[in-house]
């Protein structure tokens, strides 16, 4: 499925092909910090289909517990997370931040949750939380 997306301020705009069945939730503490929330929701894009149409994201490269390097790309203007990718020797895939994709409402529920051991206890089941269309 072809998707378009970008950051909050419009500096970064991209397009990519994604597999709609690859939506996943990551509860690791590395994803909690840069998103400023309890987890990151992302979807896999095929590397050769990811194209920046405008802007250039800033990357923060970190080492995982395994020693592998991972780049977190975000807008240098507004800070919107754009993607995460293994960074060495070169990107082998992109995990696009679901919230930055224009067609995000067209995807079904996540097919997988990872690093649940780091998840906040309440984040594993939000069914009981009151729902509202307003603040």
N, C-alpha and C. Protein backbone atom coordinates (compact mmCIF):
# COMPACT_ATOMS: atom_id res chain seq x y z
N UNK A 1 0.84 -1.17 0.00
CA UNK A 1 0.00 0.00 0.00
C UNK A 1 0.89 1.24 0.00
N UNK A 2 0.60 2.17 -0.88
CA UNK A 2 1.36 3.41 -0.93
C UNK A 2 0.83 4.36 0.15
N UNK A 3 1.76 4.98 0.88
CA UNK A 3 1.40 5.96 1.90
C UNK A 3 2.20 7.24 1.70
N UNK A 4 1.65 8.30 2.23
CA UNK A 4 2.34 9.58 2.30
C UNK A 4 2.34 9.99 3.76
N UNK A 5 3.26 10.85 4.11
CA UNK A 5 3.30 11.29 5.49
C UNK A 5 4.23 12.46 5.66
N UNK A 6 4.33 12.90 6.89
CA UNK A 6 5.20 14.03 7.19
C UNK A 6 5.07 14.45 8.63
N UNK A 7 5.80 15.49 8.93
CA UNK A 7 5.84 15.98 10.30
C UNK A 7 4.73 17.00 10.57
N UNK A 8 4.63 17.40 11.80
CA UNK A 8 3.61 18.33 12.26
C UNK A 8 3.70 19.69 11.58
N UNK A 9 4.92 20.20 11.40
CA UNK A 9 5.09 21.55 10.84
C UNK A 9 5.15 21.56 9.31
N UNK A 10 5.25 20.39 8.66
CA UNK A 10 5.28 20.32 7.20
C UNK A 10 6.67 20.38 6.58
N UNK A 11 7.71 20.46 7.39
CA UNK A 11 9.08 20.50 6.88
C UNK A 11 9.46 19.18 6.20
N UNK A 12 9.08 18.05 6.81
CA UNK A 12 9.38 16.72 6.26
C UNK A 12 8.13 16.16 5.59
N UNK A 13 8.27 15.74 4.34
CA UNK A 13 7.19 15.06 3.62
C UNK A 13 7.82 13.84 2.94
N UNK A 14 7.13 12.70 2.99
CA UNK A 14 7.68 11.48 2.38
C UNK A 14 6.58 10.64 1.78
N UNK A 15 7.01 9.61 1.04
CA UNK A 15 6.11 8.58 0.53
C UNK A 15 6.83 7.24 0.65
N UNK A 16 6.05 6.18 0.72
CA UNK A 16 6.62 4.84 0.85
C UNK A 16 5.56 3.80 0.55
N UNK A 17 6.00 2.58 0.37
CA UNK A 17 5.11 1.42 0.27
C UNK A 17 5.23 0.68 1.60
N UNK A 18 4.08 0.30 2.17
CA UNK A 18 4.08 -0.43 3.44
C UNK A 18 3.24 -1.69 3.32
N UNK A 19 3.49 -2.62 4.19
CA UNK A 19 2.67 -3.82 4.32
C UNK A 19 1.70 -3.54 5.47
N UNK A 20 0.40 -3.39 5.19
CA UNK A 20 -0.56 -3.03 6.24
C UNK A 20 -0.64 -4.02 7.40
N UNK A 21 -0.10 -5.22 7.22
CA UNK A 21 -0.16 -6.22 8.29
C UNK A 21 1.02 -6.10 9.26
N UNK A 22 1.89 -5.11 9.07
CA UNK A 22 3.09 -5.01 9.91
C UNK A 22 3.02 -3.90 10.96
N UNK A 23 1.82 -3.43 11.29
CA UNK A 23 1.69 -2.45 12.37
C UNK A 23 2.07 -3.13 13.67
N UNK A 24 2.94 -2.49 14.44
CA UNK A 24 3.32 -3.07 15.72
C UNK A 24 3.55 -1.98 16.76
N UNK A 25 3.45 -2.42 18.00
CA UNK A 25 3.62 -1.54 19.15
C UNK A 25 4.91 -1.95 19.85
N UNK A 26 5.77 -0.97 20.12
CA UNK A 26 7.00 -1.24 20.85
C UNK A 26 6.93 -0.55 22.21
N UNK A 27 7.07 -1.32 23.27
CA UNK A 27 6.99 -0.81 24.64
C UNK A 27 8.36 -0.55 25.26
N UNK A 28 9.45 -0.66 24.48
CA UNK A 28 10.78 -0.51 25.08
C UNK A 28 11.00 0.91 25.59
N UNK A 29 11.90 1.04 26.54
CA UNK A 29 12.16 2.37 27.11
C UNK A 29 12.82 3.28 26.09
N UNK A 30 13.52 2.73 25.10
CA UNK A 30 14.11 3.55 24.05
C UNK A 30 13.02 4.23 23.21
N UNK A 31 11.90 3.57 23.02
CA UNK A 31 10.79 4.16 22.26
C UNK A 31 9.94 5.09 23.12
N UNK A 32 9.85 4.80 24.41
CA UNK A 32 9.07 5.66 25.30
C UNK A 32 9.65 7.07 25.37
N UNK A 33 10.97 7.16 25.50
CA UNK A 33 11.61 8.48 25.67
C UNK A 33 11.40 9.42 24.47
N UNK A 34 11.79 9.03 23.24
CA UNK A 34 11.68 9.99 22.14
C UNK A 34 10.24 10.31 21.73
N UNK A 35 9.31 9.40 22.01
CA UNK A 35 7.91 9.69 21.67
C UNK A 35 7.23 10.46 22.78
N UNK A 36 7.80 10.41 23.99
CA UNK A 36 7.19 11.12 25.11
C UNK A 36 5.91 10.47 25.59
N UNK A 37 5.75 9.19 25.32
CA UNK A 37 4.54 8.48 25.71
C UNK A 37 4.88 7.04 26.10
N UNK A 38 3.87 6.21 26.25
CA UNK A 38 4.06 4.86 26.79
C UNK A 38 4.61 3.86 25.78
N UNK A 39 4.49 4.13 24.50
CA UNK A 39 4.95 3.19 23.47
C UNK A 39 5.03 3.90 22.13
N UNK A 40 5.67 3.23 21.18
CA UNK A 40 5.74 3.72 19.79
C UNK A 40 4.94 2.75 18.94
N UNK A 41 4.15 3.28 18.03
CA UNK A 41 3.42 2.46 17.06
C UNK A 41 4.06 2.74 15.70
N UNK A 42 4.47 1.67 15.02
CA UNK A 42 5.12 1.86 13.73
C UNK A 42 4.67 0.79 12.73
N UNK A 43 5.04 1.02 11.48
CA UNK A 43 4.72 0.10 10.40
C UNK A 43 5.95 0.00 9.49
N UNK A 44 6.20 -1.20 8.99
CA UNK A 44 7.39 -1.42 8.16
C UNK A 44 7.18 -0.93 6.73
N UNK A 45 8.20 -0.24 6.24
CA UNK A 45 8.22 0.19 4.84
C UNK A 45 9.36 -0.54 4.13
N UNK A 46 9.17 -0.83 2.87
CA UNK A 46 10.21 -1.46 2.07
C UNK A 46 11.27 -0.39 1.80
N UNK A 47 12.56 -0.66 2.12
CA UNK A 47 13.60 0.37 2.03
C UNK A 47 13.67 1.10 0.69
N UNK A 48 13.60 0.36 -0.40
CA UNK A 48 13.75 1.01 -1.70
C UNK A 48 12.55 1.85 -2.11
N UNK A 49 11.46 1.82 -1.35
CA UNK A 49 10.28 2.63 -1.69
C UNK A 49 10.18 3.90 -0.86
N UNK A 50 10.96 4.02 0.20
CA UNK A 50 10.91 5.22 1.03
C UNK A 50 11.59 6.37 0.31
N UNK A 51 10.85 7.47 0.11
CA UNK A 51 11.37 8.65 -0.59
C UNK A 51 11.02 9.91 0.18
N UNK A 52 12.05 10.68 0.51
CA UNK A 52 11.82 12.00 1.09
C UNK A 52 11.43 12.94 -0.04
N UNK A 53 10.31 13.64 0.11
CA UNK A 53 9.85 14.59 -0.89
C UNK A 53 10.29 16.01 -0.54
N UNK A 54 10.44 16.27 0.77
CA UNK A 54 10.96 17.57 1.21
C UNK A 54 11.54 17.42 2.60
N UNK A 55 12.50 18.28 2.89
CA UNK A 55 13.13 18.30 4.19
C UNK A 55 14.12 17.16 4.38
N UNK A 56 14.88 17.26 5.45
CA UNK A 56 15.85 16.23 5.82
C UNK A 56 15.73 16.01 7.32
N UNK A 57 15.40 14.78 7.74
CA UNK A 57 15.29 14.54 9.17
C UNK A 57 16.65 14.57 9.86
N UNK A 58 16.63 14.85 11.12
CA UNK A 58 17.82 14.74 11.96
C UNK A 58 17.79 13.33 12.55
N UNK A 59 18.97 12.73 12.70
CA UNK A 59 19.06 11.37 13.24
C UNK A 59 19.76 11.37 14.59
N UNK A 60 19.22 10.57 15.48
CA UNK A 60 19.91 10.27 16.73
C UNK A 60 20.23 8.78 16.68
N UNK A 61 21.51 8.43 16.69
CA UNK A 61 21.92 7.04 16.61
C UNK A 61 22.25 6.55 18.00
N UNK A 62 21.68 5.42 18.35
CA UNK A 62 21.93 4.82 19.66
C UNK A 62 22.35 3.37 19.49
N UNK A 63 22.98 2.83 20.50
CA UNK A 63 23.36 1.42 20.50
C UNK A 63 22.35 0.64 21.33
N UNK A 64 21.85 -0.43 20.76
CA UNK A 64 20.93 -1.31 21.48
C UNK A 64 21.73 -2.19 22.43
N UNK A 65 21.03 -2.90 23.30
CA UNK A 65 21.70 -3.82 24.21
C UNK A 65 22.53 -4.85 23.45
N UNK A 66 22.10 -5.17 22.23
CA UNK A 66 22.82 -6.14 21.39
C UNK A 66 24.11 -5.56 20.82
N UNK A 67 24.25 -4.24 20.88
CA UNK A 67 25.39 -3.58 20.28
C UNK A 67 25.09 -3.03 18.89
N UNK A 68 23.95 -3.43 18.31
CA UNK A 68 23.55 -2.92 17.00
C UNK A 68 23.19 -1.45 17.10
N UNK A 69 23.47 -0.70 16.05
CA UNK A 69 23.15 0.73 15.98
C UNK A 69 21.77 0.91 15.36
N UNK A 70 21.04 1.88 15.90
CA UNK A 70 19.69 2.16 15.44
C UNK A 70 19.53 3.68 15.34
N UNK A 71 19.04 4.17 14.21
CA UNK A 71 18.84 5.61 14.02
C UNK A 71 17.37 5.97 14.21
N UNK A 72 17.14 6.95 15.05
CA UNK A 72 15.81 7.52 15.25
C UNK A 72 15.78 8.84 14.48
N UNK A 73 14.96 8.92 13.43
CA UNK A 73 14.89 10.12 12.60
C UNK A 73 13.68 10.95 13.02
N UNK A 74 13.91 12.26 13.12
CA UNK A 74 12.84 13.16 13.53
C UNK A 74 13.00 14.50 12.82
N UNK A 75 11.94 15.30 12.79
CA UNK A 75 12.00 16.61 12.16
C UNK A 75 12.86 17.54 13.02
N UNK A 76 13.84 18.21 12.41
CA UNK A 76 14.69 19.11 13.19
C UNK A 76 13.97 20.40 13.59
N UNK A 77 12.82 20.66 12.99
CA UNK A 77 12.07 21.87 13.30
C UNK A 77 11.05 21.67 14.42
N UNK A 78 10.22 20.61 14.30
CA UNK A 78 9.13 20.42 15.28
C UNK A 78 9.31 19.18 16.15
N UNK A 79 10.28 18.30 15.83
CA UNK A 79 10.56 17.14 16.65
C UNK A 79 9.71 15.91 16.38
N UNK A 80 8.82 15.96 15.40
CA UNK A 80 7.96 14.81 15.09
C UNK A 80 8.81 13.59 14.75
N UNK A 81 8.58 12.44 15.41
CA UNK A 81 9.27 11.20 15.01
C UNK A 81 8.84 10.80 13.60
N UNK A 82 9.80 10.43 12.75
CA UNK A 82 9.50 10.05 11.37
C UNK A 82 9.70 8.55 11.16
N UNK A 83 10.87 8.03 11.53
CA UNK A 83 11.13 6.60 11.38
C UNK A 83 12.27 6.17 12.29
N UNK A 84 12.39 4.85 12.42
CA UNK A 84 13.52 4.21 13.09
C UNK A 84 14.08 3.22 12.09
N UNK A 85 15.41 3.11 12.02
CA UNK A 85 16.03 2.17 11.11
C UNK A 85 17.35 1.67 11.67
N UNK A 86 17.67 0.40 11.40
CA UNK A 86 19.03 -0.05 11.72
C UNK A 86 19.97 0.82 10.88
N UNK A 87 21.03 1.35 11.49
CA UNK A 87 21.84 2.34 10.77
C UNK A 87 23.16 1.83 10.23
N UNK A 88 23.53 0.63 10.54
CA UNK A 88 24.82 0.14 10.04
C UNK A 88 24.65 -1.24 9.43
N UNK A 89 25.24 -1.52 8.31
CA UNK A 89 26.13 -0.62 7.59
C UNK A 89 25.37 0.46 6.82
N UNK A 90 24.12 0.21 6.45
CA UNK A 90 23.24 1.22 5.87
C UNK A 90 21.81 0.80 6.19
N UNK A 91 20.85 1.72 6.06
CA UNK A 91 19.48 1.34 6.41
C UNK A 91 19.01 0.10 5.66
N UNK A 92 18.51 -0.88 6.40
CA UNK A 92 18.01 -2.11 5.78
C UNK A 92 16.49 -2.16 5.82
N UNK A 93 15.87 -1.16 6.38
CA UNK A 93 14.42 -1.10 6.47
C UNK A 93 14.03 0.11 7.28
N UNK A 94 12.81 0.54 7.10
CA UNK A 94 12.30 1.70 7.83
C UNK A 94 11.05 1.30 8.59
N UNK A 95 11.00 1.66 9.86
CA UNK A 95 9.79 1.49 10.66
C UNK A 95 9.21 2.90 10.83
N UNK A 96 8.19 3.19 10.04
CA UNK A 96 7.61 4.53 10.01
C UNK A 96 6.70 4.75 11.23
N UNK A 97 6.82 5.92 11.82
CA UNK A 97 5.94 6.29 12.93
C UNK A 97 4.51 6.40 12.39
N UNK A 98 3.61 5.62 12.94
CA UNK A 98 2.25 5.54 12.41
C UNK A 98 1.54 6.89 12.47
N UNK A 99 1.76 7.65 13.52
CA UNK A 99 1.08 8.94 13.68
C UNK A 99 1.44 9.96 12.62
N UNK A 100 2.56 9.78 11.93
CA UNK A 100 3.01 10.72 10.90
C UNK A 100 2.52 10.32 9.51
N UNK A 101 1.81 9.21 9.39
CA UNK A 101 1.31 8.73 8.10
C UNK A 101 -0.09 9.28 7.86
N UNK A 102 -0.31 9.86 6.68
CA UNK A 102 -1.61 10.45 6.35
C UNK A 102 -2.74 9.42 6.35
N UNK A 103 -2.46 8.20 5.93
CA UNK A 103 -3.49 7.15 5.81
C UNK A 103 -3.60 6.29 7.07
N UNK A 104 -3.15 6.76 8.22
CA UNK A 104 -3.09 5.93 9.44
C UNK A 104 -4.43 5.33 9.84
N UNK A 105 -5.53 6.00 9.54
CA UNK A 105 -6.84 5.47 9.92
C UNK A 105 -7.26 4.26 9.09
N UNK A 106 -6.56 3.99 8.01
CA UNK A 106 -6.90 2.86 7.15
C UNK A 106 -6.32 1.54 7.61
N UNK A 107 -5.42 1.59 8.61
CA UNK A 107 -4.79 0.36 9.09
C UNK A 107 -5.60 -0.27 10.20
N UNK A 108 -5.53 -1.60 10.25
CA UNK A 108 -6.18 -2.33 11.32
C UNK A 108 -5.36 -2.27 12.59
N UNK A 109 -5.77 -3.03 13.58
CA UNK A 109 -5.03 -3.04 14.84
C UNK A 109 -3.64 -3.64 14.66
N UNK A 110 -2.73 -3.34 15.58
CA UNK A 110 -1.38 -3.89 15.50
C UNK A 110 -1.40 -5.42 15.47
N UNK A 111 -0.44 -5.98 14.75
CA UNK A 111 -0.33 -7.43 14.67
C UNK A 111 0.62 -7.98 15.72
N UNK A 112 1.37 -7.08 16.35
CA UNK A 112 2.37 -7.55 17.31
C UNK A 112 2.73 -6.44 18.31
N UNK A 113 3.05 -6.85 19.54
CA UNK A 113 3.59 -5.95 20.55
C UNK A 113 4.94 -6.52 20.96
N UNK A 114 5.93 -5.65 21.09
CA UNK A 114 7.26 -6.11 21.48
C UNK A 114 7.75 -5.35 22.71
N UNK A 115 8.73 -5.92 23.37
CA UNK A 115 9.32 -5.38 24.61
C UNK A 115 8.24 -5.09 25.66
N UNK A 116 7.29 -5.99 25.77
CA UNK A 116 6.20 -5.84 26.74
C UNK A 116 6.72 -5.81 28.18
N UNK A 117 7.88 -6.41 28.42
CA UNK A 117 8.46 -6.41 29.76
C UNK A 117 8.79 -4.99 30.23
N UNK A 118 8.96 -4.04 29.29
CA UNK A 118 9.23 -2.65 29.63
C UNK A 118 7.96 -1.80 29.63
N UNK A 119 6.86 -2.40 29.22
CA UNK A 119 5.61 -1.65 29.11
C UNK A 119 5.05 -1.22 30.45
N UNK A 120 4.42 -0.06 30.45
CA UNK A 120 3.73 0.39 31.65
C UNK A 120 2.53 -0.53 31.85
N UNK A 121 2.28 -0.97 33.08
CA UNK A 121 1.22 -1.96 33.30
C UNK A 121 -0.13 -1.56 32.69
N UNK A 122 -0.51 -0.31 32.79
CA UNK A 122 -1.81 0.11 32.27
C UNK A 122 -1.84 0.15 30.75
N UNK A 123 -0.69 0.22 30.09
CA UNK A 123 -0.67 0.34 28.64
C UNK A 123 -0.99 -0.96 27.92
N UNK A 124 -1.00 -2.06 28.65
CA UNK A 124 -1.27 -3.35 28.02
C UNK A 124 -2.77 -3.59 27.77
N UNK A 125 -3.62 -2.85 28.46
CA UNK A 125 -5.06 -3.04 28.28
C UNK A 125 -5.77 -1.72 28.56
N UNK A 126 -6.13 -1.01 27.52
CA UNK A 126 -6.79 0.29 27.66
C UNK A 126 -8.30 0.21 27.48
N UNK A 127 -8.84 -1.02 27.43
CA UNK A 127 -10.29 -1.17 27.20
C UNK A 127 -11.13 -0.54 28.29
N UNK A 128 -10.65 -0.53 29.52
CA UNK A 128 -11.43 -0.02 30.64
C UNK A 128 -11.33 1.49 30.81
N UNK A 129 -10.48 2.15 30.05
CA UNK A 129 -10.28 3.59 30.18
C UNK A 129 -11.44 4.32 29.51
N UNK A 130 -11.96 5.33 30.21
CA UNK A 130 -13.08 6.11 29.68
C UNK A 130 -12.73 6.71 28.32
N UNK A 131 -13.67 6.70 27.40
CA UNK A 131 -13.46 7.24 26.06
C UNK A 131 -14.26 8.52 25.88
N UNK A 132 -13.68 9.48 25.19
CA UNK A 132 -14.35 10.75 24.91
C UNK A 132 -13.82 11.31 23.61
N UNK A 133 -14.65 12.05 22.90
CA UNK A 133 -14.22 12.72 21.67
C UNK A 133 -13.70 14.12 21.98
N UNK A 134 -13.71 14.50 23.24
CA UNK A 134 -13.24 15.82 23.67
C UNK A 134 -12.32 15.66 24.85
N UNK A 135 -11.62 16.73 25.19
CA UNK A 135 -10.70 16.69 26.34
C UNK A 135 -11.45 16.60 27.64
